[in-house]
Amino acid sequence: MTDKLRQITESISGFDAESLRVEFAQQAIARCIQPITQTEQVPLKQALGRTLATDMSAPINVPSYDNSAMDGYAFSGSDLKQGHITLKLVGKAFAGHPYHPTVQTGECVRIMTGALMPRGCDTVIPQELVAEATEHSLTFASGTIEAKSNVRLAGEDLPIGATVLHKGRLLTPADLGLIASLGIAELTVMRQLKVAFFSTGDELRSIGQPLEAGCVYDSNRYTLHAMLDRAGFEAIDLGVVRDDPVALENALREAGKIADAVITTGGVSAGDADYTRALMARLGEVMFWKIAMRPGRPMAFGKINVNGKDALFFGLPGNPVAVMATFYFFARDALFRLQGTTTERLPSIQAISSHAIKKRAGRTEYQRGVIAFDSTGTAKVRLTGAQGSGILSSMSEANCMVVLSHDECDIQAGQPVNVMPFTGLI
C-alpha cells in the first residue's frame, strides 16, 4: 500500500482491512478520490442526468416582466376604497398580446394569467371575486382584495445574476426546464465517466451459449450494465474472463487503459482460484478486502495503474445480490464523486417490521423487503423470504432494503427498522 493510502487508513479510527465497518469503508473510499476535470458542451436536450461543470447564473429576470397570476381584471391599487368599487373596462391583455395604453385611475383591463401588467396597473382581482361585470365595467366590494395582489413581479422567481444551479449538480428534468426558462441552449458538463467491468469464473456462460453441467448464466454483467447506465456512466462490458492469471491480468490491463474505474465480479474471496489479490499487488494497490456486511463481505477497493494512468478498482463479490448491494452502497457514490457530481445521502425512512428478523451484531445487514402503508398511513415492511446472497429474485420482488446497523441484534415483530426505498435508486 502506498504512503497516501496508508495515511488515509491510519486517519480512520478502528480501520481493519480484513473486516471493515461499512461507514469506515465509505469514508476511506471518499478520501481516495480526486474528481476528473475534463468537461464538454452538450445541447440542453441531451443534458438530463449529466453533471453541471460550473455554477450557472441567471442572464435574465424570471419572470422577465410583471405579469398577472390570475385570470381577472388589472387596475391600480389606489382605486381601492370603502363601499362598492366600480371601474371602467377599457381593454384586454392576453399572454403574448399586451395592452399598450396607460390605464388611468378608475379604469381596468380584462387580463389573463401570464399577461404583461399594463402601465398604471399593480393589482389583479380574480374574475370569480367580481360582483358584476359587463362589456363596459365591473363592480366589486371593498375589502375583497388588497392592493398589489395576484401580480408576479419581474425577477420574483430568479433575479438577474442570481446563482441558479451549482457546479456538481446532477441535472433533473425540472433543472432542464429551469435552464430553458433562462434561454440557455447549451451547457458545460463534466465528461461522462467511463467504467469498464467484467465477470470472472470458469462456470459462467453468456446468454445464448449452451449451459453445461455445473455452469450458470452470467447475470452480474447485465445488472451492472443497467446500474451504470441508469446512473449515467458510460458502461464498457468486457465480458466473462476465465479463472486464469494471464487472462485476468490482460483484462485488468485493458480495463485500466480505457476506463476511469474498473469493476470486477467474483475472484476476491479466499478461494484457490481467486487470483485477483496477487495481480493487484503487481498492477496497483488495494486498501481493503473485506467489509463487515451481509451480503457482500468479500469486496476489494483500490487503484490500478497501467502505463502511468490510474483507475479506481472495485472487486465485488460473485453472488448476484451481493453485487447489487456493494455497488449501491459503495461503488455508486464513489463513481459520482469521481465524476465531480455532488451527491446526497440516500434517503431512508422508518417502518414497522411485520415479523422478527434474525441479526448478528458486528456487521451491517441489507435485507430485501417490501414496504407498504396500512390504512392509518403507517409504514410496514416484510422481508421477501430467504435472504441468501445468490437469490436474485429477492431483489426483483423487493421495493426496499431493510438496513440493520453494525451494532443491532435480533429485531422483534413490531419494532421499527430503517428502510431504504428502491425508488430513484434501482
Protein backbone atom coordinates (compact mmCIF):
# COMPACT_ATOMS: atom_id res chain seq x y z
CA MET A 1 0.00 0.00 0.00
CA THR A 2 1.36 3.46 -0.89
CA ASP A 3 2.09 6.11 1.73
CA LYS A 4 -1.02 8.05 0.65
CA LEU A 5 -3.36 5.11 1.16
CA ARG A 6 -1.63 4.23 4.40
CA GLN A 7 -2.14 7.78 5.68
CA ILE A 8 -5.83 7.58 4.83
CA THR A 9 -6.34 4.26 6.59
CA GLU A 10 -4.36 5.38 9.65
CA SER A 11 -6.54 8.50 9.92
CA ILE A 12 -9.69 6.39 10.35
CA SER A 13 -10.01 5.14 13.91
CA GLY A 14 -10.77 1.42 14.08
CA PHE A 15 -9.76 0.73 10.46
CA ASP A 16 -9.36 -3.02 9.86
CA ALA A 17 -8.68 -4.04 6.25
CA GLU A 18 -9.76 -7.62 6.96
CA SER A 19 -13.17 -6.77 8.44
CA LEU A 20 -14.04 -3.15 7.87
CA ARG A 21 -17.17 -1.44 9.17
CA VAL A 22 -19.40 -0.14 6.36
CA GLU A 23 -19.13 3.51 7.38
CA PHE A 24 -15.33 3.28 7.63
CA ALA A 25 -15.12 1.76 4.16
CA GLN A 26 -17.29 4.56 2.75
CA GLN A 27 -15.10 7.19 4.42
CA ALA A 28 -11.91 5.57 3.15
CA ILE A 29 -13.19 5.39 -0.44
CA ALA A 30 -14.32 9.01 -0.38
CA ARG A 31 -10.90 10.21 0.81
CA CYS A 32 -9.14 8.38 -2.04
CA ILE A 33 -11.00 10.08 -4.87
CA GLN A 34 -9.77 13.03 -6.89
CA PRO A 35 -12.56 14.11 -9.29
CA ILE A 36 -11.90 14.31 -13.01
CA THR A 37 -11.62 17.79 -14.51
CA GLN A 38 -12.49 17.32 -18.19
CA THR A 39 -15.68 18.97 -19.42
CA GLU A 40 -17.72 19.12 -22.61
CA GLN A 41 -20.54 21.13 -24.17
CA VAL A 42 -23.91 19.46 -24.74
CA PRO A 43 -27.26 20.72 -26.06
CA LEU A 44 -29.86 21.25 -23.35
CA LYS A 45 -31.98 18.32 -24.57
CA GLN A 46 -29.02 15.97 -24.05
CA ALA A 47 -28.14 17.22 -20.55
CA LEU A 48 -30.50 15.05 -18.48
CA GLY A 49 -28.50 13.10 -15.91
CA ARG A 50 -25.27 14.94 -16.70
CA THR A 51 -23.22 16.79 -14.09
CA LEU A 52 -23.03 20.58 -14.30
CA ALA A 53 -19.40 21.70 -14.58
CA THR A 54 -19.80 25.33 -13.48
CA ASP A 55 -22.15 27.43 -11.38
CA MET A 56 -24.98 28.78 -13.51
CA SER A 57 -26.20 32.37 -13.14
CA ALA A 58 -29.44 33.83 -14.47
CA PRO A 59 -28.75 36.07 -17.52
CA ILE A 60 -32.30 37.49 -17.29
CA ASN A 61 -35.02 38.02 -14.74
CA VAL A 62 -37.52 35.17 -14.38
CA PRO A 63 -40.21 36.17 -14.98
CA SER A 64 -38.80 38.87 -17.25
CA TYR A 65 -41.75 41.21 -16.68
CA ASP A 66 -44.53 41.91 -14.17
CA ASN A 67 -47.45 39.67 -15.08
CA SER A 68 -50.82 38.51 -13.85
CA ALA A 69 -51.03 35.44 -11.65
CA MET A 70 -54.77 35.09 -12.31
CA ASP A 71 -57.48 35.39 -14.93
CA GLY A 72 -59.28 38.56 -13.89
CA TYR A 73 -59.03 42.35 -14.10
CA ALA A 74 -55.98 44.59 -13.68
CA PHE A 75 -56.19 48.08 -12.18
CA SER A 76 -54.41 50.46 -9.82
CA GLY A 77 -54.48 49.58 -6.15
CA SER A 78 -55.07 53.26 -5.44
CA ASP A 79 -58.65 52.73 -6.67
CA LEU A 80 -59.46 50.54 -3.67
CA LYS A 81 -61.76 52.42 -1.28
CA GLN A 82 -64.72 51.95 1.04
CA GLY A 83 -68.04 50.72 -0.33
CA HIS A 84 -68.57 49.18 -3.72
CA ILE A 85 -65.93 49.89 -6.35
CA THR A 86 -66.90 50.35 -9.99
CA LEU A 87 -64.21 50.56 -12.69
CA LYS A 88 -64.46 51.33 -16.39
CA LEU A 89 -63.34 48.43 -18.61
CA VAL A 90 -61.04 49.89 -21.31
CA GLY A 91 -59.37 46.86 -22.93
CA LYS A 92 -57.94 43.34 -22.77
CA ALA A 93 -54.47 41.86 -22.11
CA PHE A 94 -53.52 38.30 -23.04
CA ALA A 95 -50.25 36.38 -22.67
CA GLY A 96 -48.17 37.48 -25.63
CA HIS A 97 -50.67 40.22 -26.52
CA PRO A 98 -50.24 43.11 -24.07
CA TYR A 99 -52.48 46.15 -23.62
CA HIS A 100 -50.23 49.10 -24.55
CA PRO A 101 -52.03 52.29 -23.42
CA THR A 102 -51.60 53.54 -19.86
CA VAL A 103 -54.55 52.63 -17.64
CA GLN A 104 -55.88 55.66 -15.83
CA THR A 105 -57.43 56.00 -12.37
CA GLY A 106 -60.90 54.47 -12.33
CA GLU A 107 -60.13 52.17 -15.27
CA CYS A 108 -59.37 48.45 -15.55
CA VAL A 109 -58.30 45.91 -18.15
CA ARG A 110 -59.52 42.36 -18.63
CA ILE A 111 -56.35 40.25 -18.13
CA MET A 112 -55.37 36.59 -18.47
CA THR A 113 -52.81 34.60 -16.48
CA GLY A 114 -49.25 35.37 -17.62
CA ALA A 115 -50.16 38.57 -19.46
CA LEU A 116 -47.94 41.66 -19.10
CA MET A 117 -49.31 44.04 -16.48
CA PRO A 118 -50.46 47.22 -18.27
CA ARG A 119 -48.85 50.53 -17.33
CA GLY A 120 -50.74 52.09 -14.45
CA CYS A 121 -51.83 48.70 -13.01
CA ASP A 122 -50.39 46.93 -9.96
CA THR A 123 -53.32 44.80 -8.76
CA VAL A 124 -55.42 41.97 -10.21
CA ILE A 125 -58.80 40.85 -8.92
CA PRO A 126 -59.68 37.25 -9.88
CA GLN A 127 -62.76 37.06 -12.07
CA GLU A 128 -64.62 34.88 -9.54
CA LEU A 129 -64.44 37.68 -6.92
CA VAL A 130 -66.10 40.26 -9.15
CA ALA A 131 -69.67 41.07 -8.09
CA GLU A 132 -70.79 42.23 -11.53
CA ALA A 133 -69.07 42.55 -14.91
CA THR A 134 -70.38 43.96 -18.20
CA GLU A 135 -68.77 44.85 -21.52
CA HIS A 136 -68.01 48.30 -20.13
CA SER A 137 -67.44 48.00 -16.37
CA LEU A 138 -67.03 45.80 -13.32
CA THR A 139 -68.08 46.16 -9.70
CA PHE A 140 -66.80 44.52 -6.53
CA ALA A 141 -66.98 45.18 -2.81
CA SER A 142 -64.22 46.90 -0.90
CA GLY A 143 -62.12 44.55 1.19
CA THR A 144 -62.35 41.82 -1.43
CA ILE A 145 -58.61 42.07 -2.16
CA GLU A 146 -55.62 44.14 -1.11
CA ALA A 147 -53.53 46.40 -3.32
CA LYS A 148 -50.77 44.65 -5.35
CA SER A 149 -52.46 41.25 -5.05
CA ASN A 150 -52.11 38.49 -7.68
CA VAL A 151 -49.16 40.00 -9.54
CA ARG A 152 -45.91 38.12 -10.28
CA LEU A 153 -43.08 40.63 -10.27
CA ALA A 154 -40.12 40.58 -12.67
CA GLY A 155 -37.32 38.53 -11.14
CA GLU A 156 -39.62 37.14 -8.45
CA ASP A 157 -38.57 33.58 -9.29
CA LEU A 158 -34.97 34.35 -10.28
CA PRO A 159 -33.43 37.82 -10.32
CA ILE A 160 -30.81 38.53 -12.97
CA GLY A 161 -27.33 37.46 -11.79
CA ALA A 162 -28.62 35.02 -9.16
CA THR A 163 -26.93 31.60 -8.93
CA VAL A 164 -29.49 29.19 -10.33
CA LEU A 165 -27.68 25.84 -10.09
CA HIS A 166 -24.35 24.92 -8.57
CA LYS A 167 -21.37 23.09 -10.00
CA GLY A 168 -21.67 19.34 -9.43
CA ARG A 169 -25.45 19.27 -9.82
CA LEU A 170 -26.83 16.08 -11.37
CA LEU A 171 -29.34 17.61 -13.77
CA THR A 172 -33.00 16.63 -13.45
CA PRO A 173 -35.99 17.22 -15.76
CA ALA A 174 -37.02 20.18 -13.58
CA ASP A 175 -33.50 21.63 -13.94
CA LEU A 176 -33.70 21.45 -17.73
CA GLY A 177 -37.00 23.33 -17.68
CA LEU A 178 -35.50 25.95 -15.38
CA ILE A 179 -32.48 26.38 -17.67
CA ALA A 180 -34.76 26.64 -20.70
CA SER A 181 -36.66 29.47 -18.96
CA LEU A 182 -33.37 31.38 -18.97
CA GLY A 183 -32.96 30.97 -22.74
CA ILE A 184 -29.81 28.83 -22.39
CA ALA A 185 -29.45 26.26 -25.18
CA GLU A 186 -26.08 24.63 -24.36
CA LEU A 187 -24.42 23.58 -21.13
CA THR A 188 -20.91 22.84 -19.89
CA VAL A 189 -20.99 19.48 -18.14
CA MET A 190 -18.43 17.06 -16.76
CA ARG A 191 -17.46 14.45 -19.29
CA GLN A 192 -19.17 11.11 -18.88
CA LEU A 193 -17.28 8.73 -16.63
CA LYS A 194 -16.02 5.54 -18.31
CA VAL A 195 -16.49 2.37 -16.26
CA ALA A 196 -15.18 -0.97 -17.54
CA PHE A 197 -16.46 -4.18 -15.99
CA PHE A 198 -16.24 -7.93 -16.40
CA SER A 199 -17.21 -11.13 -14.61
CA THR A 200 -14.75 -13.82 -13.59
CA GLY A 201 -15.28 -17.57 -13.33
CA ASP A 202 -14.93 -20.74 -15.43
CA GLU A 203 -18.52 -21.66 -14.53
CA LEU A 204 -20.05 -18.59 -16.18
CA ARG A 205 -21.75 -18.68 -19.56
CA SER A 206 -23.12 -15.78 -21.56
CA ILE A 207 -26.71 -15.70 -22.74
CA GLY A 208 -27.09 -17.78 -25.91
CA GLN A 209 -24.37 -20.27 -25.00
CA PRO A 210 -25.23 -23.85 -24.04
CA LEU A 211 -25.36 -24.43 -20.29
CA GLU A 212 -23.19 -27.41 -19.34
CA ALA A 213 -23.43 -29.25 -16.04
CA GLY A 214 -22.01 -27.16 -13.20
CA CYS A 215 -22.32 -23.90 -15.16
CA VAL A 216 -24.61 -20.86 -14.74
CA TYR A 217 -25.60 -17.93 -16.90
CA ASP A 218 -23.82 -14.71 -16.01
CA SER A 219 -26.39 -12.24 -14.63
CA ASN A 220 -23.93 -9.86 -12.96
CA ARG A 221 -22.86 -8.12 -16.17
CA TYR A 222 -26.46 -7.32 -17.01
CA THR A 223 -27.29 -5.87 -13.59
CA LEU A 224 -24.01 -3.92 -13.59
CA HIS A 225 -24.60 -2.55 -17.07
CA ALA A 226 -28.11 -1.47 -16.08
CA MET A 227 -26.98 0.13 -12.81
CA LEU A 228 -24.17 2.03 -14.54
CA ASP A 229 -26.42 3.10 -17.39
CA ARG A 230 -29.14 4.30 -15.04
CA ALA A 231 -26.61 6.36 -13.11
CA GLY A 232 -25.46 8.00 -16.35
CA PHE A 233 -21.99 6.46 -16.67
CA GLU A 234 -20.52 5.04 -19.87
CA ALA A 235 -20.57 1.28 -19.29
CA ILE A 236 -17.88 -0.78 -21.07
CA ASP A 237 -18.67 -4.51 -20.96
CA LEU A 238 -15.54 -6.66 -21.26
CA GLY A 239 -17.44 -9.95 -20.97
CA VAL A 240 -16.52 -13.03 -18.96
CA VAL A 241 -12.89 -13.73 -18.01
CA ARG A 242 -11.94 -17.27 -17.11
CA ASP A 243 -10.13 -18.23 -13.89
CA ASP A 244 -6.65 -17.89 -15.35
CA PRO A 245 -3.95 -15.48 -14.09
CA VAL A 246 -2.83 -14.44 -17.59
CA ALA A 247 -6.37 -13.86 -18.87
CA LEU A 248 -7.29 -11.91 -15.74
CA GLU A 249 -4.15 -9.75 -15.91
CA ASN A 250 -4.79 -8.96 -19.57
CA ALA A 251 -8.39 -8.00 -18.80
CA LEU A 252 -7.37 -5.75 -15.90
CA ARG A 253 -4.70 -4.06 -18.02
CA GLU A 254 -7.14 -3.44 -20.87
CA ALA A 255 -9.76 -2.10 -18.48
CA GLY A 256 -7.25 0.17 -16.76
CA LYS A 257 -6.19 1.67 -20.08
CA ILE A 258 -9.63 2.59 -21.35
CA ALA A 259 -11.61 3.44 -18.22
CA ASP A 260 -11.69 5.74 -15.20
CA ALA A 261 -12.87 2.88 -12.99
CA VAL A 262 -12.83 -0.91 -13.20
CA ILE A 263 -15.40 -3.22 -11.63
CA THR A 264 -15.00 -6.98 -11.44
CA THR A 265 -17.39 -9.54 -10.00
CA GLY A 266 -16.09 -12.70 -8.38
CA GLY A 267 -12.50 -13.56 -7.65
CA VAL A 268 -11.94 -11.56 -4.45
CA SER A 269 -12.58 -14.19 -1.79
CA ALA A 270 -10.09 -16.62 -0.32
CA GLY A 271 -10.79 -19.43 -2.81
CA ASP A 272 -7.96 -21.28 -4.56
CA ALA A 273 -8.98 -19.89 -7.95
CA ASP A 274 -9.09 -16.25 -6.83
CA TYR A 275 -6.08 -14.64 -8.48
CA THR A 276 -7.12 -11.02 -8.10
CA ARG A 277 -5.13 -10.40 -4.91
CA ALA A 278 -1.82 -11.46 -6.42
CA LEU A 279 -2.43 -9.49 -9.61
CA MET A 280 -3.37 -6.32 -7.76
CA ALA A 281 -0.06 -6.47 -5.92
CA ARG A 282 1.61 -6.02 -9.36
CA LEU A 283 -0.90 -3.77 -11.12
CA GLY A 284 -1.85 -1.42 -8.32
CA GLU A 285 -2.84 -1.25 -4.69
CA VAL A 286 -5.73 -2.39 -2.55
CA MET A 287 -6.95 -0.54 0.52
CA PHE A 288 -9.18 -3.30 1.88
CA TRP A 289 -10.53 -6.76 1.00
CA LYS A 290 -13.38 -7.46 3.40
CA ILE A 291 -16.29 -5.47 4.81
CA ALA A 292 -18.31 -6.33 7.90
CA MET A 293 -21.59 -6.57 5.99
CA ARG A 294 -24.06 -9.05 4.62
CA PRO A 295 -24.39 -9.65 1.75
CA GLY A 296 -21.08 -8.52 0.29
CA ARG A 297 -18.34 -9.33 2.79
CA PRO A 298 -15.61 -10.09 0.22
CA MET A 299 -15.20 -6.73 -1.52
CA ALA A 300 -11.95 -5.08 -2.55
CA PHE A 301 -11.23 -1.43 -3.23
CA GLY A 302 -8.07 0.14 -4.56
CA LYS A 303 -6.42 1.51 -7.70
CA ILE A 304 -4.99 0.05 -10.88
CA ASN A 305 -2.07 1.75 -12.59
CA VAL A 306 -1.45 0.96 -16.27
CA ASN A 307 1.22 2.91 -18.15
CA GLY A 308 1.10 5.69 -15.60
CA LYS A 309 -2.69 6.01 -15.71
CA ASP A 310 -4.75 5.37 -12.56
CA ALA A 311 -8.20 3.82 -12.45
CA LEU A 312 -10.30 3.07 -9.40
CA PHE A 313 -10.77 -0.64 -8.75
CA PHE A 314 -13.83 -2.27 -7.22
CA GLY A 315 -13.62 -6.02 -6.75
CA LEU A 316 -17.20 -7.01 -6.00
CA PRO A 317 -18.34 -10.45 -4.80
CA GLY A 318 -19.67 -13.02 -7.25
CA ASN A 319 -23.12 -13.59 -5.78
CA PRO A 320 -25.75 -11.51 -7.62
CA VAL A 321 -27.42 -9.82 -4.63
CA ALA A 322 -24.04 -9.03 -3.10
CA VAL A 323 -23.00 -7.40 -6.37
CA MET A 324 -26.01 -5.08 -6.28
CA ALA A 325 -25.63 -4.27 -2.58
CA THR A 326 -21.92 -3.43 -2.81
CA PHE A 327 -22.45 -1.39 -5.97
CA TYR A 328 -25.25 0.71 -4.48
CA PHE A 329 -23.68 1.28 -1.08
CA PHE A 330 -20.04 1.76 -2.15
CA ALA A 331 -19.29 1.98 -5.87
CA ARG A 332 -22.19 4.21 -6.96
CA ASP A 333 -21.36 7.12 -4.66
CA ALA A 334 -17.64 6.75 -5.36
CA LEU A 335 -18.20 6.93 -9.12
CA PHE A 336 -20.33 10.05 -8.73
CA ARG A 337 -17.57 11.62 -6.65
CA LEU A 338 -15.01 10.72 -9.30
CA GLN A 339 -17.19 12.37 -11.94
CA GLY A 340 -17.43 15.54 -9.85
CA THR A 341 -21.09 15.03 -9.01
CA THR A 342 -22.39 16.39 -5.72
CA THR A 343 -24.34 13.54 -4.17
CA GLU A 344 -26.78 13.47 -1.29
CA ARG A 345 -27.17 10.75 1.28
CA LEU A 346 -29.62 8.14 0.05
CA PRO A 347 -32.98 8.70 1.76
CA SER A 348 -34.25 6.29 4.38
CA ILE A 349 -37.43 6.05 6.42
CA GLN A 350 -38.55 4.10 9.45
CA ALA A 351 -41.03 1.28 9.09
CA ILE A 352 -42.51 -1.27 11.46
CA SER A 353 -41.18 -4.78 10.92
CA SER A 354 -44.04 -7.20 10.27
CA HIS A 355 -42.10 -10.11 11.73
CA ALA A 356 -38.98 -10.99 13.68
CA ILE A 357 -35.63 -10.68 11.89
CA LYS A 358 -32.53 -12.55 12.98
CA LYS A 359 -29.45 -10.31 13.10
CA ARG A 360 -25.96 -10.84 14.45
CA ALA A 361 -24.16 -7.83 15.95
CA GLY A 362 -20.81 -6.92 14.39
CA ARG A 363 -21.88 -6.39 10.79
CA THR A 364 -24.28 -4.24 8.78
CA GLU A 365 -27.01 -6.23 7.06
CA TYR A 366 -29.01 -5.29 3.97
CA GLN A 367 -32.13 -7.43 3.80
CA ARG A 368 -34.59 -7.28 0.92
CA GLY A 369 -38.04 -6.12 1.91
CA VAL A 370 -41.44 -4.97 0.68
CA ILE A 371 -42.71 -1.77 2.25
CA ALA A 372 -46.39 -0.79 2.26
CA PHE A 373 -48.62 1.63 4.14
CA ASP A 374 -51.64 0.45 6.12
CA SER A 375 -54.99 2.25 6.41
CA THR A 376 -53.60 4.57 9.09
CA GLY A 377 -50.65 5.60 6.94
CA THR A 378 -48.14 3.61 9.00
CA ALA A 379 -45.21 2.20 7.01
CA LYS A 380 -44.76 -1.53 7.49
CA VAL A 381 -42.13 -3.78 5.96
CA ARG A 382 -41.84 -7.52 5.45
CA LEU A 383 -38.87 -9.47 4.16
CA THR A 384 -39.10 -11.16 0.76
CA GLY A 385 -38.24 -14.52 2.24
CA ALA A 386 -34.88 -16.30 2.12
CA GLN A 387 -32.08 -13.71 2.16
CA GLY A 388 -29.25 -15.68 0.55
CA SER A 389 -26.84 -13.57 -1.50
CA GLY A 390 -27.48 -15.71 -4.58
CA ILE A 391 -31.26 -15.24 -4.60
CA LEU A 392 -31.53 -12.56 -7.28
CA SER A 393 -35.30 -12.93 -7.45
CA SER A 394 -35.45 -11.35 -3.98
CA MET A 395 -34.11 -8.09 -5.45
CA SER A 396 -36.72 -8.18 -8.18
CA GLU A 397 -39.56 -8.80 -5.70
CA ALA A 398 -38.37 -6.22 -3.16
CA ASN A 399 -39.05 -2.50 -3.24
CA CYS A 400 -36.62 -1.56 -0.47
CA MET A 401 -33.64 -2.59 1.61
CA VAL A 402 -34.04 -3.10 5.34
CA VAL A 403 -30.80 -1.65 6.73
CA LEU A 404 -29.74 -3.18 10.04
CA SER A 405 -26.78 -1.34 11.52
CA HIS A 406 -23.47 -2.78 12.70
CA ASP A 407 -24.37 -2.95 16.39
CA GLU A 408 -28.02 -4.04 16.10
CA CYS A 409 -29.11 -7.50 17.21
CA ASP A 410 -32.28 -9.51 16.56
CA ILE A 411 -35.33 -7.45 15.58
CA GLN A 412 -38.70 -8.25 17.10
CA ALA A 413 -42.02 -8.08 15.24
CA GLY A 414 -43.50 -4.59 15.70
CA GLN A 415 -40.07 -2.99 16.16
CA PRO A 416 -39.13 -0.01 13.93
CA VAL A 417 -36.33 -0.54 11.41
CA ASN A 418 -34.57 1.70 8.91
CA VAL A 419 -35.68 1.16 5.33
CA MET A 420 -34.13 2.48 2.13
CA PRO A 421 -36.67 2.56 -0.73
CA PHE A 422 -35.51 1.48 -4.17
CA THR A 423 -37.43 4.31 -5.88
CA GLY A 424 -34.84 6.54 -7.51
CA LEU A 425 -32.06 4.07 -6.75
CA ILE A 426 -32.67 0.87 -8.68
